[in-house]
PDB file of N, CA and C in Angstrom:
ATOM      1  N   UNK A   1      18.198   8.218  -3.383  1.00  0.00           N
ATOM      2  CA  UNK A   1      16.838   8.323  -2.635  1.00  0.00           C
ATOM      3  C   UNK A   1      16.766   6.939  -2.408  1.00  0.00           C
ATOM      4  N   UNK A   2      16.700   7.413  -0.450  1.00  0.00           N
ATOM      5  CA  UNK A   2      16.523   6.499   0.279  1.00  0.00           C
ATOM      6  C   UNK A   2      15.310   5.406   0.585  1.00  0.00           C
ATOM      7  N   UNK A   3      15.481   4.174   0.999  1.00  0.00           N
ATOM      8  CA  UNK A   3      14.117   3.392   1.115  1.00  0.00           C
ATOM      9  C   UNK A   3      12.619   3.989   1.497  1.00  0.00           C
ATOM     10  N   UNK A   4      13.272   4.550   3.005  1.00  0.00           N
ATOM     11  CA  UNK A   4      11.525   5.279   3.063  1.00  0.00           C
ATOM     12  C   UNK A   4      11.096   6.428   2.465  1.00  0.00           C
ATOM     13  N   UNK A   5      11.984   6.816   1.664  1.00  0.00           N
ATOM     14  CA  UNK A   5      11.662   8.330   0.479  1.00  0.00           C
ATOM     15  C   UNK A   5      10.786   6.936  -0.666  1.00  0.00           C
ATOM     16  N   UNK A   6      10.835   5.925  -1.111  1.00  0.00           N
ATOM     17  CA  UNK A   6      10.360   5.158  -1.930  1.00  0.00           C
ATOM     18  C   UNK A   6       9.230   4.709  -1.536  1.00  0.00           C
ATOM     19  N   UNK A   7       9.263   4.073  -0.130  1.00  0.00           N
ATOM     20  CA  UNK A   7       7.774   3.740   0.122  1.00  0.00           C
ATOM     21  C   UNK A   7       6.893   5.121   0.592  1.00  0.00           C
ATOM     22  N   UNK A   8       7.407   6.571   0.719  1.00  0.00           N
ATOM     23  CA  UNK A   8       6.316   7.622   1.066  1.00  0.00           C
ATOM     24  C   UNK A   8       5.942   7.323  -0.450  1.00  0.00           C
ATOM     25  N   UNK A   9       6.766   7.611  -1.591  1.00  0.00           N
ATOM     26  CA  UNK A   9       6.147   7.626  -2.671  1.00  0.00           C
ATOM     27  C   UNK A   9       5.603   6.584  -3.376  1.00  0.00           C
ATOM     28  N   UNK A  10       5.307   5.288  -2.878  1.00  0.00           N
ATOM     29  CA  UNK A  10       4.618   4.154  -3.457  1.00  0.00           C
ATOM     30  C   UNK A  10       3.283   4.708  -2.694  1.00  0.00           C
ATOM     31  N   UNK A  11       3.146   4.799  -1.275  1.00  0.00           N
ATOM     32  CA  UNK A  11       1.771   5.246  -0.722  1.00  0.00           C
ATOM     33  C   UNK A  11       1.113   6.456  -1.490  1.00  0.00           C
ATOM     34  N   UNK A  12       1.833   7.487  -2.140  1.00  0.00           N
ATOM     35  CA  UNK A  12       1.225   8.505  -2.812  1.00  0.00           C
ATOM     36  C   UNK A  12       0.693   8.109  -3.942  1.00  0.00           C
ATOM     37  N   UNK A  13       1.705   7.194  -4.461  1.00  0.00           N
ATOM     38  CA  UNK A  13       1.154   6.491  -5.878  1.00  0.00           C
ATOM     39  C   UNK A  13      -0.310   5.954  -5.877  1.00  0.00           C
ATOM     40  N   UNK A  14      -0.010   5.061  -4.824  1.00  0.00           N
ATOM     41  CA  UNK A  14      -1.057   4.114  -4.618  1.00  0.00           C
ATOM     42  C   UNK A  14      -2.373   4.629  -4.355  1.00  0.00           C
ATOM     43  N   UNK A  15      -2.205   5.939  -3.615  1.00  0.00           N
ATOM     44  CA  UNK A  15      -3.811   6.338  -2.577  1.00  0.00           C
ATOM     45  C   UNK A  15      -3.907   7.722  -3.604  1.00  0.00           C
ATOM     46  N   UNK A  16      -3.315   8.051  -4.589  1.00  0.00           N
ATOM     47  CA  UNK A  16      -3.957   9.356  -5.609  1.00  0.00           C
ATOM     48  C   UNK A  16      -3.714   9.201  -6.759  1.00  0.00           C
ATOM     49  N   UNK A  17      -2.769   8.342  -7.243  1.00  0.00           N
ATOM     50  CA  UNK A  17      -2.527   8.493  -9.176  1.00  0.00           C
ATOM     51  C   UNK A  17      -3.891   7.896  -9.557  1.00  0.00           C
ATOM     52  N   UNK A  18      -4.001   8.954 -10.592  1.00  0.00           N
ATOM     53  CA  UNK A  18      -5.293   8.732 -11.464  1.00  0.00           C
ATOM     54  C   UNK A  18      -5.467   7.464 -12.264  1.00  0.00           C
ATOM     55  N   UNK A  19      -4.476   6.898 -12.795  1.00  0.00           N
ATOM     56  CA  UNK A  19      -4.148   5.634 -13.565  1.00  0.00           C
ATOM     57  C   UNK A  19      -4.057   4.425 -12.690  1.00  0.00           C
ATOM     58  N   UNK A  20      -5.138   3.391 -13.171  1.00  0.00           N
ATOM     59  CA  UNK A  20      -5.521   2.128 -12.203  1.00  0.00           C
ATOM     60  C   UNK A  20      -4.286   1.396 -11.987  1.00  0.00           C
ATOM     61  N   UNK A  21      -3.466   1.103 -12.932  1.00  0.00           N
ATOM     62  CA  UNK A  21      -2.488   0.258 -13.507  1.00  0.00           C
ATOM     63  C   UNK A  21      -1.314   1.245 -12.383  1.00  0.00           C
ATOM     64  N   UNK A  22      -0.843   2.313 -12.377  1.00  0.00           N
ATOM     65  CA  UNK A  22      -0.037   2.582 -11.280  1.00  0.00           C
ATOM     66  C   UNK A  22      -0.692   2.236  -9.863  1.00  0.00           C
ATOM     67  N   UNK A  23      -1.879   2.124  -9.584  1.00  0.00           N
ATOM     68  CA  UNK A  23      -2.238   2.249  -8.074  1.00  0.00           C
ATOM     69  C   UNK A  23      -1.756   0.904  -8.159  1.00  0.00           C
ATOM     70  N   UNK A  24      -2.284   0.108  -8.629  1.00  0.00           N
ATOM     71  CA  UNK A  24      -2.065  -1.661  -8.618  1.00  0.00           C
ATOM     72  C   UNK A  24      -0.783  -2.224  -8.760  1.00  0.00           C
ATOM     73  N   UNK A  25       0.394  -1.349  -9.204  1.00  0.00           N
ATOM     74  CA  UNK A  25       1.867  -1.692  -9.495  1.00  0.00           C
ATOM     75  C   UNK A  25       2.211  -1.403  -8.059  1.00  0.00           C
ATOM     76  N   UNK A  26       1.826  -0.026  -7.589  1.00  0.00           N
ATOM     77  CA  UNK A  26       2.351   0.331  -6.206  1.00  0.00           C
ATOM     78  C   UNK A  26       1.746  -0.455  -5.079  1.00  0.00           C
ATOM     79  N   UNK A  27       0.231  -0.578  -5.054  1.00  0.00           N
ATOM     80  CA  UNK A  27       0.150  -1.385  -4.003  1.00  0.00           C
ATOM     81  C   UNK A  27       0.958  -3.122  -4.112  1.00  0.00           C
ATOM     82  N   UNK A  28       0.877  -3.341  -5.230  1.00  0.00           N
ATOM     83  CA  UNK A  28       1.640  -4.729  -5.632  1.00  0.00           C
ATOM     84  C   UNK A  28       3.493  -4.813  -4.764  1.00  0.00           C
ATOM     85  N   UNK A  29       3.791  -3.327  -4.912  1.00  0.00           N
ATOM     86  CA  UNK A  29       5.378  -3.378  -4.292  1.00  0.00           C
ATOM     87  C   UNK A  29       5.219  -3.092  -2.829  1.00  0.00           C
ATOM     88  N   UNK A  30       3.754  -2.294  -2.322  1.00  0.00           N
ATOM     89  CA  UNK A  30       4.100  -2.100  -1.188  1.00  0.00           C
ATOM     90  C   UNK A  30       3.577  -3.431  -0.315  1.00  0.00           C
ATOM     91  N   UNK A  31       2.956  -4.907  -0.688  1.00  0.00           N
ATOM     92  CA  UNK A  31       2.451  -5.898  -0.968  1.00  0.00           C
ATOM     93  C   UNK A  31       3.795  -6.513  -0.277  1.00  0.00           C
ATOM     94  N   UNK A  32       4.781  -6.878  -1.596  1.00  0.00           N
ATOM     95  CA  UNK A  32       6.092  -7.215  -1.051  1.00  0.00           C
ATOM     96  C   UNK A  32       6.867  -6.383  -0.278  1.00  0.00           C
ATOM     97  N   UNK A  33       6.662  -5.520   0.328  1.00  0.00           N
ATOM     98  CA  UNK A  33       7.543  -4.763   1.303  1.00  0.00           C
ATOM     99  C   UNK A  33       6.792  -4.956   2.758  1.00  0.00           C
ATOM    100  N   UNK A  34       5.713  -5.246   2.686  1.00  0.00           N
ATOM    101  CA  UNK A  34       4.985  -5.839   3.987  1.00  0.00           C
ATOM    102  C   UNK A  34       4.968  -7.025   4.262  1.00  0.00           C
ATOM    103  N   UNK A  35       5.649  -7.990   3.116  1.00  0.00           N
ATOM    104  CA  UNK A  35       5.445  -9.067   3.421  1.00  0.00           C
ATOM    105  C   UNK A  35       6.863  -9.908   4.331  1.00  0.00           C
ATOM    106  N   UNK A  36       7.628  -8.700   4.582  1.00  0.00           N
ATOM    107  CA  UNK A  36       8.966  -8.953   5.131  1.00  0.00           C
ATOM    108  C   UNK A  36       8.841  -8.487   6.492  1.00  0.00           C
ATOM    109  N   UNK A  37      10.034  -7.882   7.177  1.00  0.00           N
ATOM    110  CA  UNK A  37      10.452  -8.004   8.482  1.00  0.00           C
ATOM    111  C   UNK A  37       9.196  -6.673   9.053  1.00  0.00           C
ATOM    112  N   UNK A  38       9.185  -6.701  10.443  1.00  0.00           N
ATOM    113  CA  UNK A  38       8.740  -5.811  11.357  1.00  0.00           C
ATOM    114  C   UNK A  38       9.007  -4.565  10.492  1.00  0.00           C
ATOM    115  N   UNK A  39      10.509  -4.182  10.591  1.00  0.00           N
ATOM    116  CA  UNK A  39      10.783  -3.241  10.302  1.00  0.00           C
ATOM    117  C   UNK A  39      10.466  -2.493   9.059  1.00  0.00           C
ATOM    118  N   UNK A  40      10.023  -3.530   8.093  1.00  0.00           N
ATOM    119  CA  UNK A  40       9.638  -3.517   6.620  1.00  0.00           C
ATOM    120  C   UNK A  40       8.448  -2.670   6.708  1.00  0.00           C
ATOM    121  N   UNK A  41       7.523  -3.271   7.775  1.00  0.00           N
ATOM    122  CA  UNK A  41       5.829  -2.814   7.662  1.00  0.00           C
ATOM    123  C   UNK A  41       6.010  -1.554   8.514  1.00  0.00           C
ATOM    124  N   UNK A  42       6.590  -1.320   8.948  1.00  0.00           N
ATOM    125  CA  UNK A  42       6.984   0.037   9.617  1.00  0.00           C
ATOM    126  C   UNK A  42       7.350   1.167   9.016  1.00  0.00           C
ATOM    127  N   UNK A  43       7.805   0.894   7.990  1.00  0.00           N
ATOM    128  CA  UNK A  43       8.430   1.851   7.261  1.00  0.00           C
ATOM    129  C   UNK A  43       7.348   2.291   6.252  1.00  0.00           C
ATOM    130  N   UNK A  44       6.365   0.950   6.262  1.00  0.00           N
ATOM    131  CA  UNK A  44       5.108   1.436   5.545  1.00  0.00           C
ATOM    132  C   UNK A  44       3.865   2.053   6.288  1.00  0.00           C
ATOM    133  N   UNK A  45       3.795   1.744   7.414  1.00  0.00           N
ATOM    134  CA  UNK A  45       2.991   2.413   8.551  1.00  0.00           C
ATOM    135  C   UNK A  45       3.574   3.114   9.489  1.00  0.00           C
ATOM    136  N   UNK A  46       4.040   4.126   8.668  1.00  0.00           N
ATOM    137  CA  UNK A  46       4.729   4.802  10.264  1.00  0.00           C
ATOM    138  C   UNK A  46       3.863   6.115  10.444  1.00  0.00           C
ATOM    139  N   UNK A  47       2.576   6.279   9.449  1.00  0.00           N
ATOM    140  CA  UNK A  47       1.772   7.557  10.463  1.00  0.00           C
ATOM    141  C   UNK A  47       0.646   7.286  10.198  1.00  0.00           C
ATOM    142  N   UNK A  48      -0.221   7.772  10.989  1.00  0.00           N
ATOM    143  CA  UNK A  48      -1.535   7.155  10.815  1.00  0.00           C
ATOM    144  C   UNK A  48      -2.494   7.897   9.586  1.00  0.00           C
ATOM    145  N   UNK A  49      -2.031   8.826   8.985  1.00  0.00           N
ATOM    146  CA  UNK A  49      -2.577   9.270   7.696  1.00  0.00           C
ATOM    147  C   UNK A  49      -2.103   8.339   6.560  1.00  0.00           C
ATOM    148  N   UNK A  50      -1.075   8.104   6.652  1.00  0.00           N
ATOM    149  CA  UNK A  50      -0.674   6.430   5.438  1.00  0.00           C
ATOM    150  C   UNK A  50      -1.706   5.234   5.677  1.00  0.00           C
ATOM    151  N   UNK A  51      -1.890   5.028   6.793  1.00  0.00           N
ATOM    152  CA  UNK A  51      -2.932   4.059   7.443  1.00  0.00           C
ATOM    153  C   UNK A  51      -4.130   4.381   7.112  1.00  0.00           C
ATOM    154  N   UNK A  52      -4.513   5.429   7.188  1.00  0.00           N
ATOM    155  CA  UNK A  52      -5.913   5.509   6.734  1.00  0.00           C
ATOM    156  C   UNK A  52      -6.425   5.672   5.063  1.00  0.00           C
ATOM    157  N   UNK A  53      -5.318   6.103   4.531  1.00  0.00           N
ATOM    158  CA  UNK A  53      -4.997   6.452   2.911  1.00  0.00           C
ATOM    159  C   UNK A  53      -5.540   5.156   2.710  1.00  0.00           C
ATOM    160  N   UNK A  54      -4.267   4.214   2.947  1.00  0.00           N
ATOM    161  CA  UNK A  54      -4.028   2.659   2.410  1.00  0.00           C
ATOM    162  C   UNK A  54      -5.510   2.170   2.857  1.00  0.00           C
ATOM    163  N   UNK A  55      -6.317   2.102   3.981  1.00  0.00           N
ATOM    164  CA  UNK A  55      -7.725   1.656   4.208  1.00  0.00           C
ATOM    165  C   UNK A  55      -8.554   2.433   3.285  1.00  0.00           C
ATOM    166  N   UNK A  56      -8.791   3.362   2.635  1.00  0.00           N
ATOM    167  CA  UNK A  56      -9.336   4.082   2.252  1.00  0.00           C
ATOM    168  C   UNK A  56      -9.424   3.602   0.422  1.00  0.00           C
ATOM    169  N   UNK A  57      -7.967   3.004   0.317  1.00  0.00           N
ATOM    170  CA  UNK A  57      -8.032   2.501  -1.023  1.00  0.00           C
ATOM    171  C   UNK A  57      -8.427   1.357  -1.254  1.00  0.00           C
ATOM    172  N   UNK A  58      -8.653   0.612  -0.346  1.00  0.00           N
ATOM    173  CA  UNK A  58      -9.108  -0.781  -0.452  1.00  0.00           C
ATOM    174  C   UNK A  58     -10.531  -1.031  -0.502  1.00  0.00           C
ATOM    175  N   UNK A  59     -11.351   0.471   0.001  1.00  0.00           N
ATOM    176  CA  UNK A  59     -12.473   0.478  -0.062  1.00  0.00           C
ATOM    177  C   UNK A  59     -13.218   1.222  -1.332  1.00  0.00           C
ATOM    178  N   UNK A  60     -11.918   1.507  -2.259  1.00  0.00           N
ATOM    179  CA  UNK A  60     -12.928   2.117  -3.229  1.00  0.00           C
ATOM    180  C   UNK A  60     -14.061   0.965  -3.971  1.00  0.00           C
ATOM    181  N   UNK A  61     -14.997   2.003  -4.554  1.00  0.00           N
ATOM    182  CA  UNK A  61     -15.857   1.091  -5.664  1.00  0.00           C
ATOM    183  C   UNK A  61     -15.729   0.975  -6.764  1.00  0.00           C
ATOM    184  N   UNK A  62     -14.282   1.209  -7.314  1.00  0.00           N
ATOM    185  CA  UNK A  62     -14.335   1.057  -8.873  1.00  0.00           C
ATOM    186  C   UNK A  62     -14.007  -0.283  -9.117  1.00  0.00           C
ATOM    187  N   UNK A  63     -14.285  -0.853  -9.768  1.00  0.00           N
ATOM    188  CA  UNK A  63     -14.603  -2.421 -10.553  1.00  0.00           C
ATOM    189  C   UNK A  63     -12.985  -3.025 -10.356  1.00  0.00           C
ATOM    190  N   UNK A  64     -12.433  -2.037 -11.331  1.00  0.00           N
ATOM    191  CA  UNK A  64     -10.614  -2.650 -11.450  1.00  0.00           C
ATOM    192  C   UNK A  64      -9.996  -2.474 -10.094  1.00  0.00           C
ATOM    193  N   UNK A  65     -10.217  -1.652  -9.125  1.00  0.00           N
ATOM    194  CA  UNK A  65      -9.302  -1.566  -7.819  1.00  0.00           C
ATOM    195  C   UNK A  65      -9.778  -2.935  -7.139  1.00  0.00           C
ATOM    196  N   UNK A  66     -11.010  -3.234  -7.235  1.00  0.00           N
ATOM    197  CA  UNK A  66     -11.853  -4.364  -6.146  1.00  0.00           C
ATOM    198  C   UNK A  66     -11.377  -5.633  -6.874  1.00  0.00           C
ATOM    199  N   UNK A  67     -11.399  -5.464  -8.377  1.00  0.00           N
ATOM    200  CA  UNK A  67     -10.924  -6.523  -9.300  1.00  0.00           C
ATOM    201  C   UNK A  67      -9.320  -7.178  -9.210  1.00  0.00           C
ATOM    202  N   UNK A  68      -8.399  -6.339  -8.497  1.00  0.00           N
ATOM    203  CA  UNK A  68      -7.416  -6.247  -7.949  1.00  0.00           C
ATOM    204  C   UNK A  68      -7.232  -5.684  -6.650  1.00  0.00           C
ATOM    205  N   UNK A  69      -7.692  -6.761  -5.786  1.00  0.00           N
ATOM    206  CA  UNK A  69      -7.510  -6.757  -4.241  1.00  0.00           C
ATOM    207  C   UNK A  69      -6.421  -7.303  -3.859  1.00  0.00           C
ATOM    208  N   UNK A  70      -6.466  -8.230  -4.807  1.00  0.00           N
ATOM    209  CA  UNK A  70      -5.198  -9.205  -4.399  1.00  0.00           C
ATOM    210  C   UNK A  70      -4.051  -8.104  -3.968  1.00  0.00           C
ATOM    211  N   UNK A  71      -3.829  -7.080  -4.956  1.00  0.00           N
ATOM    212  CA  UNK A  71      -2.700  -6.442  -4.917  1.00  0.00           C
ATOM    213  C   UNK A  71      -2.855  -5.559  -3.581  1.00  0.00           C
ATOM    214  N   UNK A  72      -3.858  -5.731  -2.709  1.00  0.00           N
ATOM    215  CA  UNK A  72      -3.733  -5.090  -0.933  1.00  0.00           C
ATOM    216  C   UNK A  72      -3.207  -5.892  -0.186  1.00  0.00           C
ATOM    217  N   UNK A  73      -2.677  -6.896  -0.810  1.00  0.00           N
ATOM    218  CA  UNK A  73      -2.329  -7.939   0.512  1.00  0.00           C
ATOM    219  C   UNK A  73      -1.554  -7.291   1.710  1.00  0.00           C
ATOM    220  N   UNK A  74      -0.888  -5.948   1.607  1.00  0.00           N
ATOM    221  CA  UNK A  74      -0.537  -5.057   2.651  1.00  0.00           C
ATOM    222  C   UNK A  74      -1.156  -5.023   3.489  1.00  0.00           C
ATOM    223  N   UNK A  75      -2.303  -4.697   3.917  1.00  0.00           N
ATOM    224  CA  UNK A  75      -2.961  -4.596   4.670  1.00  0.00           C
ATOM    225  C   UNK A  75      -3.177  -6.098   5.562  1.00  0.00           C
ATOM    226  N   UNK A  76      -3.275  -7.117   5.180  1.00  0.00           N
ATOM    227  CA  UNK A  76      -3.466  -8.576   5.730  1.00  0.00           C
ATOM    228  C   UNK A  76      -1.957  -8.651   6.300  1.00  0.00           C
ATOM    229  N   UNK A  77      -0.794  -8.211   5.701  1.00  0.00           N
ATOM    230  CA  UNK A  77       0.300  -8.397   6.084  1.00  0.00           C
ATOM    231  C   UNK A  77       0.490  -7.372   7.706  1.00  0.00           C
ATOM    232  N   UNK A  78      -0.181  -6.467   7.338  1.00  0.00           N
ATOM    233  CA  UNK A  78       0.171  -5.115   8.691  1.00  0.00           C
ATOM    234  C   UNK A  78      -0.522  -5.648   9.926  1.00  0.00           C
ATOM    235  N   UNK A  79      -1.875  -6.593   9.435  1.00  0.00           N
ATOM    236  CA  UNK A  79      -2.714  -6.592  10.416  1.00  0.00           C
ATOM    237  C   UNK A  79      -1.910  -8.168  11.569  1.00  0.00           C
ATOM    238  N   UNK A  80      -1.610  -8.434  10.449  1.00  0.00           N
ATOM    239  CA  UNK A  80      -1.142 -10.095  11.328  1.00  0.00           C
ATOM    240  C   UNK A  80       0.103  -9.975  11.228  1.00  0.00           C
ATOM    241  N   UNK A  81       1.104  -9.012  11.530  1.00  0.00           N
ATOM    242  CA  UNK A  81       2.772  -9.193  11.743  1.00  0.00           C
ATOM    243  C   UNK A  81       2.961  -8.249  12.134  1.00  0.00           C
ATOM    244  N   UNK A  82       2.106  -6.761  12.452  1.00  0.00           N
ATOM    245  CA  UNK A  82       2.896  -5.519  12.819  1.00  0.00           C
ATOM    246  C   UNK A  82       2.551  -5.245  15.048  1.00  0.00           C
TER     247      UNK A  82
END
């Protein structure tokens, strides 16, 4: 499996998995990826649909996702470094 494929899978898990722990851990992995180089950020944010899905994720009303919002730091990394 190539790195872009792993990133695609992490975005899919973060935005559509029913288990909150899987969502949280996927977001954590994405945040570690986007804390790196511009190339790494581009791998995460390679299309508009992924960007929209990740933003929607950060706006979910579920308490557990809001409580663990620190795992959504990838949005901050993208906004400040992309």
